[in-house]
């Protein structure tokens, strides 16, 4: 029983201790000229859908939930956002080559059609990020037209 108590105390001290380890925050009030919405003159209804469902992980400005202040959750979110931005960063859209833009648009279409994006782990907590069938169709039609115009 003593070993369980010691282990419990060690875990408690470690949990409290990691709360003081900072994470990088992905926040910016600046909207660059290279942003997807600026470059493509996205209709407002589509802009709202994409910003709600995609921008937290795929832009330079994450709207963090309250639980981002709790470790190890903050580390998980930081890593998740970092990987999301490596894959696609809407704020850097116009810096991509035409070939890369085309590839990203194909990927967006594919992932929405296959219900891979937004991630289920994200929409579990962020219910407003879930895409209805109507929203999917609206976004898919618009993204397809954009891809064809490149």
C-alpha atoms as a PDB file:
ATOM      1  CA  UNK A   1       0.000   0.000   0.000  1.00  0.00           C
ATOM      2  CA  UNK A   2       2.912   2.331   0.740  1.00  0.00           C
ATOM      3  CA  UNK A   3       4.214   1.974  -2.845  1.00  0.00           C
ATOM      4  CA  UNK A   4       0.808   3.040  -4.196  1.00  0.00           C
ATOM      5  CA  UNK A   5       0.824   6.159  -1.979  1.00  0.00           C
ATOM      6  CA  UNK A   6       4.363   7.101  -2.995  1.00  0.00           C
ATOM      7  CA  UNK A   7       3.521   6.573  -6.664  1.00  0.00           C
ATOM      8  CA  UNK A   8       0.373   8.671  -6.270  1.00  0.00           C
ATOM      9  CA  UNK A   9       2.316  11.518  -4.657  1.00  0.00           C
ATOM     10  CA  UNK A  10       4.993  11.392  -7.344  1.00  0.00           C
ATOM     11  CA  UNK A  11       2.345  11.537 -10.070  1.00  0.00           C
ATOM     12  CA  UNK A  12       0.560  14.422  -8.344  1.00  0.00           C
ATOM     13  CA  UNK A  13       3.786  16.429  -7.973  1.00  0.00           C
ATOM     14  CA  UNK A  14       4.689  15.713 -11.610  1.00  0.00           C
ATOM     15  CA  UNK A  15       1.216  16.769 -12.791  1.00  0.00           C
ATOM     16  CA  UNK A  16       1.411  20.013 -10.822  1.00  0.00           C
ATOM     17  CA  UNK A  17       5.002  20.602 -11.953  1.00  0.00           C
ATOM     18  CA  UNK A  18       4.259  20.302 -15.669  1.00  0.00           C
ATOM     19  CA  UNK A  19       1.611  23.009 -15.361  1.00  0.00           C
ATOM     20  CA  UNK A  20       4.454  25.540 -15.240  1.00  0.00           C
ATOM     21  CA  UNK A  21       5.990  24.410 -18.533  1.00  0.00           C
ATOM     22  CA  UNK A  22       4.924  26.877 -21.242  1.00  0.00           C
ATOM     23  CA  UNK A  23       3.784  26.079 -24.743  1.00  0.00           C
ATOM     24  CA  UNK A  24       3.966  28.174 -27.885  1.00  0.00           C
ATOM     25  CA  UNK A  25       0.653  29.783 -28.697  1.00  0.00           C
ATOM     26  CA  UNK A  26      -0.446  29.953 -32.301  1.00  0.00           C
ATOM     27  CA  UNK A  27      -2.131  33.347 -32.212  1.00  0.00           C
ATOM     28  CA  UNK A  28      -1.945  36.368 -34.444  1.00  0.00           C
ATOM     29  CA  UNK A  29      -4.286  39.257 -35.140  1.00  0.00           C
ATOM     30  CA  UNK A  30      -2.569  39.887 -38.450  1.00  0.00           C
ATOM     31  CA  UNK A  31      -4.216  38.608 -41.642  1.00  0.00           C
ATOM     32  CA  UNK A  32      -1.494  38.372 -44.294  1.00  0.00           C
ATOM     33  CA  UNK A  33      -1.997  39.230 -47.949  1.00  0.00           C
ATOM     34  CA  UNK A  34      -1.232  35.565 -48.701  1.00  0.00           C
ATOM     35  CA  UNK A  35      -4.297  34.333 -46.769  1.00  0.00           C
ATOM     36  CA  UNK A  36      -6.626  31.947 -48.604  1.00  0.00           C
ATOM     37  CA  UNK A  37      -9.669  34.138 -47.935  1.00  0.00           C
ATOM     38  CA  UNK A  38      -7.989  37.315 -49.181  1.00  0.00           C
ATOM     39  CA  UNK A  39      -6.426  35.797 -52.301  1.00  0.00           C
ATOM     40  CA  UNK A  40      -9.498  33.890 -53.440  1.00  0.00           C
ATOM     41  CA  UNK A  41     -12.232  36.350 -52.483  1.00  0.00           C
ATOM     42  CA  UNK A  42     -14.164  33.591 -50.762  1.00  0.00           C
ATOM     43  CA  UNK A  43     -17.928  34.120 -50.399  1.00  0.00           C
ATOM     44  CA  UNK A  44     -18.902  34.960 -46.818  1.00  0.00           C
ATOM     45  CA  UNK A  45     -20.926  31.772 -46.208  1.00  0.00           C
ATOM     46  CA  UNK A  46     -18.020  29.567 -47.324  1.00  0.00           C
ATOM     47  CA  UNK A  47     -15.525  31.704 -45.420  1.00  0.00           C
ATOM     48  CA  UNK A  48     -17.514  31.165 -42.220  1.00  0.00           C
ATOM     49  CA  UNK A  49     -17.615  27.401 -42.734  1.00  0.00           C
ATOM     50  CA  UNK A  50     -13.895  27.112 -43.474  1.00  0.00           C
ATOM     51  CA  UNK A  51     -12.860  29.392 -40.627  1.00  0.00           C
ATOM     52  CA  UNK A  52     -15.050  27.518 -38.148  1.00  0.00           C
ATOM     53  CA  UNK A  53     -14.035  24.044 -39.278  1.00  0.00           C
ATOM     54  CA  UNK A  54     -10.441  24.458 -40.472  1.00  0.00           C
ATOM     55  CA  UNK A  55      -8.629  27.571 -39.332  1.00  0.00           C
ATOM     56  CA  UNK A  56      -7.907  26.545 -35.719  1.00  0.00           C
ATOM     57  CA  UNK A  57      -5.456  23.893 -36.940  1.00  0.00           C
ATOM     58  CA  UNK A  58      -4.605  25.224 -40.392  1.00  0.00           C
ATOM     59  CA  UNK A  59      -3.788  28.905 -39.864  1.00  0.00           C
ATOM     60  CA  UNK A  60      -1.593  31.163 -37.753  1.00  0.00           C
ATOM     61  CA  UNK A  61      -4.442  32.019 -35.405  1.00  0.00           C
ATOM     62  CA  UNK A  62      -5.919  29.341 -33.189  1.00  0.00           C
ATOM     63  CA  UNK A  63      -8.907  30.155 -31.014  1.00  0.00           C
ATOM     64  CA  UNK A  64      -7.849  28.209 -27.948  1.00  0.00           C
ATOM     65  CA  UNK A  65     -10.360  26.589 -25.603  1.00  0.00           C
ATOM     66  CA  UNK A  66     -10.083  26.964 -21.828  1.00  0.00           C
ATOM     67  CA  UNK A  67      -8.502  23.530 -21.429  1.00  0.00           C
ATOM     68  CA  UNK A  68      -5.447  24.614 -23.414  1.00  0.00           C
ATOM     69  CA  UNK A  69      -4.024  25.935 -20.175  1.00  0.00           C
ATOM     70  CA  UNK A  70      -3.852  22.434 -18.681  1.00  0.00           C
ATOM     71  CA  UNK A  71      -0.847  20.200 -19.339  1.00  0.00           C
ATOM     72  CA  UNK A  72      -0.434  17.702 -20.985  1.00  0.00           C
ATOM     73  CA  UNK A  73      -3.440  18.807 -23.083  1.00  0.00           C
ATOM     74  CA  UNK A  74      -1.631  22.003 -24.130  1.00  0.00           C
ATOM     75  CA  UNK A  75       1.290  19.976 -25.481  1.00  0.00           C
ATOM     76  CA  UNK A  76      -1.097  17.767 -27.446  1.00  0.00           C
ATOM     77  CA  UNK A  77      -2.868  20.784 -28.947  1.00  0.00           C
ATOM     78  CA  UNK A  78       0.403  22.526 -29.751  1.00  0.00           C
ATOM     79  CA  UNK A  79       1.668  19.428 -31.565  1.00  0.00           C
ATOM     80  CA  UNK A  80      -1.646  18.951 -33.358  1.00  0.00           C
ATOM     81  CA  UNK A  81      -1.731  22.550 -34.621  1.00  0.00           C
ATOM     82  CA  UNK A  82       1.924  22.396 -35.663  1.00  0.00           C
ATOM     83  CA  UNK A  83       1.296  19.286 -37.770  1.00  0.00           C
ATOM     84  CA  UNK A  84      -1.899  20.785 -39.202  1.00  0.00           C
ATOM     85  CA  UNK A  85      -0.025  23.895 -40.323  1.00  0.00           C
ATOM     86  CA  UNK A  86       2.772  21.804 -41.840  1.00  0.00           C
ATOM     87  CA  UNK A  87       0.171  20.041 -43.962  1.00  0.00           C
ATOM     88  CA  UNK A  88      -1.764  23.180 -44.927  1.00  0.00           C
ATOM     89  CA  UNK A  89      -1.576  26.744 -43.675  1.00  0.00           C
ATOM     90  CA  UNK A  90      -4.380  28.868 -45.084  1.00  0.00           C
ATOM     91  CA  UNK A  91      -2.515  32.032 -44.062  1.00  0.00           C
ATOM     92  CA  UNK A  92       0.354  31.128 -46.415  1.00  0.00           C
ATOM     93  CA  UNK A  93      -1.833  30.037 -49.321  1.00  0.00           C
ATOM     94  CA  UNK A  94      -0.536  32.484 -51.912  1.00  0.00           C
ATOM     95  CA  UNK A  95       3.066  31.525 -51.188  1.00  0.00           C
ATOM     96  CA  UNK A  96       2.324  27.986 -52.466  1.00  0.00           C
ATOM     97  CA  UNK A  97       3.115  27.090 -56.058  1.00  0.00           C
ATOM     98  CA  UNK A  98       0.215  26.472 -58.457  1.00  0.00           C
ATOM     99  CA  UNK A  99       1.000  22.783 -58.362  1.00  0.00           C
ATOM    100  CA  UNK A 100       0.914  22.693 -54.569  1.00  0.00           C
ATOM    101  CA  UNK A 101      -2.325  24.700 -54.468  1.00  0.00           C
ATOM    102  CA  UNK A 102      -3.918  22.242 -56.862  1.00  0.00           C
ATOM    103  CA  UNK A 103      -2.708  19.337 -54.748  1.00  0.00           C
ATOM    104  CA  UNK A 104      -4.052  20.943 -51.554  1.00  0.00           C
ATOM    105  CA  UNK A 105      -7.438  21.615 -53.131  1.00  0.00           C
ATOM    106  CA  UNK A 106      -7.649  17.983 -54.304  1.00  0.00           C
ATOM    107  CA  UNK A 107      -6.755  16.916 -50.779  1.00  0.00           C
ATOM    108  CA  UNK A 108      -9.401  19.195 -49.250  1.00  0.00           C
ATOM    109  CA  UNK A 109     -12.029  17.729 -51.552  1.00  0.00           C
ATOM    110  CA  UNK A 110     -10.971  14.171 -50.823  1.00  0.00           C
ATOM    111  CA  UNK A 111     -10.807  14.630 -47.066  1.00  0.00           C
ATOM    112  CA  UNK A 112     -14.198  16.317 -46.836  1.00  0.00           C
ATOM    113  CA  UNK A 113     -15.790  13.653 -49.041  1.00  0.00           C
ATOM    114  CA  UNK A 114     -14.244  10.886 -46.919  1.00  0.00           C
ATOM    115  CA  UNK A 115     -15.218  12.608 -43.632  1.00  0.00           C
ATOM    116  CA  UNK A 116     -11.552  12.778 -42.614  1.00  0.00           C
ATOM    117  CA  UNK A 117     -11.665  16.529 -42.019  1.00  0.00           C
ATOM    118  CA  UNK A 118     -12.445  18.129 -39.744  1.00  0.00           C
ATOM    119  CA  UNK A 119     -11.080  15.467 -37.438  1.00  0.00           C
ATOM    120  CA  UNK A 120     -13.573  13.564 -35.305  1.00  0.00           C
ATOM    121  CA  UNK A 121     -11.436  14.318 -32.232  1.00  0.00           C
ATOM    122  CA  UNK A 122     -11.851  18.032 -32.968  1.00  0.00           C
ATOM    123  CA  UNK A 123     -15.585  17.971 -33.722  1.00  0.00           C
ATOM    124  CA  UNK A 124     -16.240  15.906 -30.612  1.00  0.00           C
ATOM    125  CA  UNK A 125     -15.637  19.040 -28.555  1.00  0.00           C
ATOM    126  CA  UNK A 126     -16.169  21.714 -31.221  1.00  0.00           C
ATOM    127  CA  UNK A 127     -19.644  20.758 -32.394  1.00  0.00           C
ATOM    128  CA  UNK A 128     -19.978  23.894 -34.522  1.00  0.00           C
ATOM    129  CA  UNK A 129     -17.067  22.658 -36.670  1.00  0.00           C
ATOM    130  CA  UNK A 130     -19.031  19.647 -37.879  1.00  0.00           C
ATOM    131  CA  UNK A 131     -20.001  19.918 -41.512  1.00  0.00           C
ATOM    132  CA  UNK A 132     -23.591  19.183 -42.435  1.00  0.00           C
ATOM    133  CA  UNK A 133     -24.274  17.521 -45.773  1.00  0.00           C
ATOM    134  CA  UNK A 134     -25.412  20.889 -47.122  1.00  0.00           C
ATOM    135  CA  UNK A 135     -22.237  22.629 -45.921  1.00  0.00           C
ATOM    136  CA  UNK A 136     -20.095  19.872 -47.405  1.00  0.00           C
ATOM    137  CA  UNK A 137     -21.791  20.269 -50.773  1.00  0.00           C
ATOM    138  CA  UNK A 138     -21.432  24.052 -50.721  1.00  0.00           C
ATOM    139  CA  UNK A 139     -17.738  23.887 -49.835  1.00  0.00           C
ATOM    140  CA  UNK A 140     -16.986  21.012 -52.218  1.00  0.00           C
ATOM    141  CA  UNK A 141     -18.680  22.759 -55.151  1.00  0.00           C
ATOM    142  CA  UNK A 142     -16.814  25.999 -54.498  1.00  0.00           C
ATOM    143  CA  UNK A 143     -13.423  24.324 -53.929  1.00  0.00           C
ATOM    144  CA  UNK A 144     -13.894  22.253 -57.104  1.00  0.00           C
ATOM    145  CA  UNK A 145     -14.560  25.424 -59.103  1.00  0.00           C
ATOM    146  CA  UNK A 146     -11.502  27.058 -57.551  1.00  0.00           C
ATOM    147  CA  UNK A 147      -9.351  24.029 -58.405  1.00  0.00           C
ATOM    148  CA  UNK A 148     -10.591  24.052 -61.998  1.00  0.00           C
ATOM    149  CA  UNK A 149      -9.746  27.750 -62.325  1.00  0.00           C
ATOM    150  CA  UNK A 150      -6.082  27.272 -61.373  1.00  0.00           C
END
